Amino acid sequence: MNFKLQPLSAALTDNGLMALHLNIPDNATSIQVHAEYQGVSAYTTISKSYSPSNNYMQLFLRSANQLQAGSQANFEMKATEGVQTMVYQVLSRGSIVATGNIDGGNAESKTFSLALTAAMAPNARIVVYYVRA
């Protein structure tokens, strides 16, 4: 099944990122994206993640300011089912630099903050997961 969106034009933010809110059909398994900026084109295909239970979790960075050691990073988790406990790992420079558990309260949405350390510079990734009982 092909589904085509109308072309969309939007201004970039100062950091070069642009958030797009798209209504993608539930039965879509992938989407193709074509972007153009100042005469340069890029293409990519984004595939739906596979979950045998058909449940998913997303993590959103909600901090508006530039992140730096000594400050907090604010996140929002959204899931398709209630999450009792989330587990996180922060990875930087090839090492796990922080781990922990967060009480999800069996909610489908939860905000939380993590303290940022110098060990997370200059780049870090966070992995968050949960295990169903």
Protein backbone atom coordinates (compact mmCIF):
# COMPACT_ATOMS: atom_id res chain seq x y z
CA MET A 1 0.00 0.00 0.00
CA ASN A 2 1.44 3.36 -1.00
CA PHE A 3 0.69 6.45 0.98
CA LYS A 4 1.98 9.81 -0.20
CA LEU A 5 2.14 12.99 1.83
CA GLN A 6 1.99 16.39 0.23
CA PRO A 7 5.34 18.22 0.01
CA LEU A 8 6.11 20.18 3.15
CA SER A 9 8.25 23.29 3.52
CA ALA A 10 9.49 24.43 6.92
CA ALA A 11 12.15 26.69 8.37
CA LEU A 12 15.11 25.19 10.22
CA THR A 13 15.86 26.11 13.79
CA ASP A 14 19.23 27.58 14.82
CA ASN A 15 20.57 24.10 15.58
CA GLY A 16 19.62 22.82 12.11
CA LEU A 17 16.88 20.50 13.35
CA MET A 18 13.24 20.44 12.39
CA ALA A 19 10.47 18.53 14.15
CA LEU A 20 7.82 17.08 11.86
CA HIS A 21 4.49 15.82 13.10
CA LEU A 22 3.09 13.35 10.59
CA ASN A 23 0.04 11.11 10.67
CA ILE A 24 1.35 7.83 9.33
CA PRO A 25 -1.18 5.01 8.78
CA ASP A 26 -1.10 2.26 11.41
CA ASN A 27 -0.47 -0.41 8.79
CA ALA A 28 2.64 1.31 7.36
CA THR A 29 5.82 -0.74 7.69
CA SER A 30 8.20 1.93 6.37
CA ILE A 31 8.30 5.48 5.07
CA GLN A 32 10.61 7.07 2.54
CA VAL A 33 11.88 10.56 3.23
CA HIS A 34 13.34 12.98 0.69
CA ALA A 35 14.75 16.27 1.96
CA GLU A 36 16.21 19.21 0.06
CA TYR A 37 18.12 22.18 1.41
CA GLN A 38 19.99 24.78 -0.62
CA GLY A 39 20.23 22.50 -3.64
CA VAL A 40 21.38 19.41 -1.72
CA SER A 41 19.12 16.35 -1.62
CA ALA A 42 19.08 13.43 0.81
CA TYR A 43 16.96 10.27 0.89
CA THR A 44 16.34 7.73 3.61
CA THR A 45 13.90 4.97 4.48
CA ILE A 46 12.62 4.60 8.03
CA SER A 47 11.29 1.16 8.91
CA LYS A 48 8.88 0.30 11.69
CA SER A 49 10.54 -1.44 14.61
CA TYR A 50 9.47 -5.01 15.23
CA SER A 51 7.88 -6.04 18.51
CA PRO A 52 6.31 -9.50 18.95
CA SER A 53 3.89 -8.00 21.51
CA ASN A 54 3.16 -4.97 19.28
CA ASN A 55 4.04 -2.68 22.22
CA TYR A 56 6.51 0.17 21.86
CA MET A 57 8.32 2.83 23.87
CA GLN A 58 9.62 6.21 22.74
CA LEU A 59 11.96 8.56 24.58
CA PHE A 60 11.90 12.31 23.94
CA LEU A 61 14.53 14.81 25.07
CA ARG A 62 12.53 17.70 26.54
CA SER A 63 15.42 19.95 27.65
CA ALA A 64 15.27 23.21 25.72
CA ASN A 65 18.71 24.55 26.69
CA GLN A 66 22.13 23.30 25.67
CA LEU A 67 23.12 20.35 27.82
CA GLN A 68 26.27 20.58 29.92
CA ALA A 69 27.87 18.81 32.86
CA GLY A 70 26.31 19.84 36.17
CA SER A 71 22.87 20.41 34.67
CA GLN A 72 19.87 18.13 34.22
CA ALA A 73 18.56 16.48 31.06
CA ASN A 74 14.76 16.22 30.99
CA PHE A 75 13.09 13.32 29.20
CA GLU A 76 9.58 12.11 28.48
CA MET A 77 8.83 8.43 27.94
CA LYS A 78 5.72 7.37 26.04
CA ALA A 79 4.66 3.75 25.68
CA THR A 80 1.75 1.83 24.21
CA GLU A 81 1.15 0.09 27.55
CA GLY A 82 1.70 0.91 31.20
CA VAL A 83 5.34 0.68 32.32
CA GLN A 84 6.08 -0.39 35.88
CA THR A 85 9.86 0.13 35.94
CA MET A 86 12.21 1.60 33.32
CA VAL A 87 15.89 0.75 33.21
CA TYR A 88 18.36 3.20 31.66
CA GLN A 89 21.99 3.13 30.63
CA VAL A 90 23.95 6.17 29.47
CA LEU A 91 26.85 5.37 27.13
CA SER A 92 29.72 7.70 26.26
CA ARG A 93 33.16 7.14 24.73
CA GLY A 94 32.64 3.38 24.58
CA SER A 95 31.67 2.97 28.25
CA ILE A 96 28.54 2.81 30.35
CA VAL A 97 28.77 5.98 32.45
CA ALA A 98 25.42 5.87 34.27
CA THR A 99 22.71 3.30 35.00
CA GLY A 100 19.57 3.23 37.04
CA ASN A 101 15.90 2.39 37.43
CA ILE A 102 12.95 4.76 37.22
CA ASP A 103 9.53 3.99 38.70
CA GLY A 104 7.10 4.22 35.79
CA GLY A 105 4.04 3.96 38.04
CA ASN A 106 2.41 1.69 35.44
CA ALA A 107 1.83 4.81 33.30
CA GLU A 108 1.97 5.12 29.53
CA SER A 109 3.70 8.51 29.85
CA LYS A 110 6.36 9.57 32.36
CA THR A 111 8.75 12.51 32.65
CA PHE A 112 12.09 12.20 34.42
CA SER A 113 15.44 13.97 34.72
CA LEU A 114 19.02 12.73 34.80
CA ALA A 115 22.03 14.58 36.17
CA LEU A 116 24.67 15.21 33.51
CA THR A 117 28.33 14.56 34.30
CA ALA A 118 31.63 15.33 32.60
CA ALA A 119 31.95 11.60 31.79
CA MET A 120 29.05 12.06 29.35
CA ALA A 121 30.92 14.65 27.25
CA PRO A 122 31.29 15.31 24.40
CA ASN A 123 28.49 12.95 23.26
CA ALA A 124 26.31 10.42 25.01
CA ARG A 125 23.50 8.05 24.18
CA ILE A 126 20.78 6.82 26.48
CA VAL A 127 19.15 3.41 26.21
CA VAL A 128 15.87 2.93 28.08
CA TYR A 129 13.92 -0.31 28.26
CA TYR A 130 11.39 -2.15 30.36
CA VAL A 131 10.55 -5.79 30.93
CA ARG A 132 6.96 -6.92 31.18
CA ALA A 133 6.11 -9.25 34.06
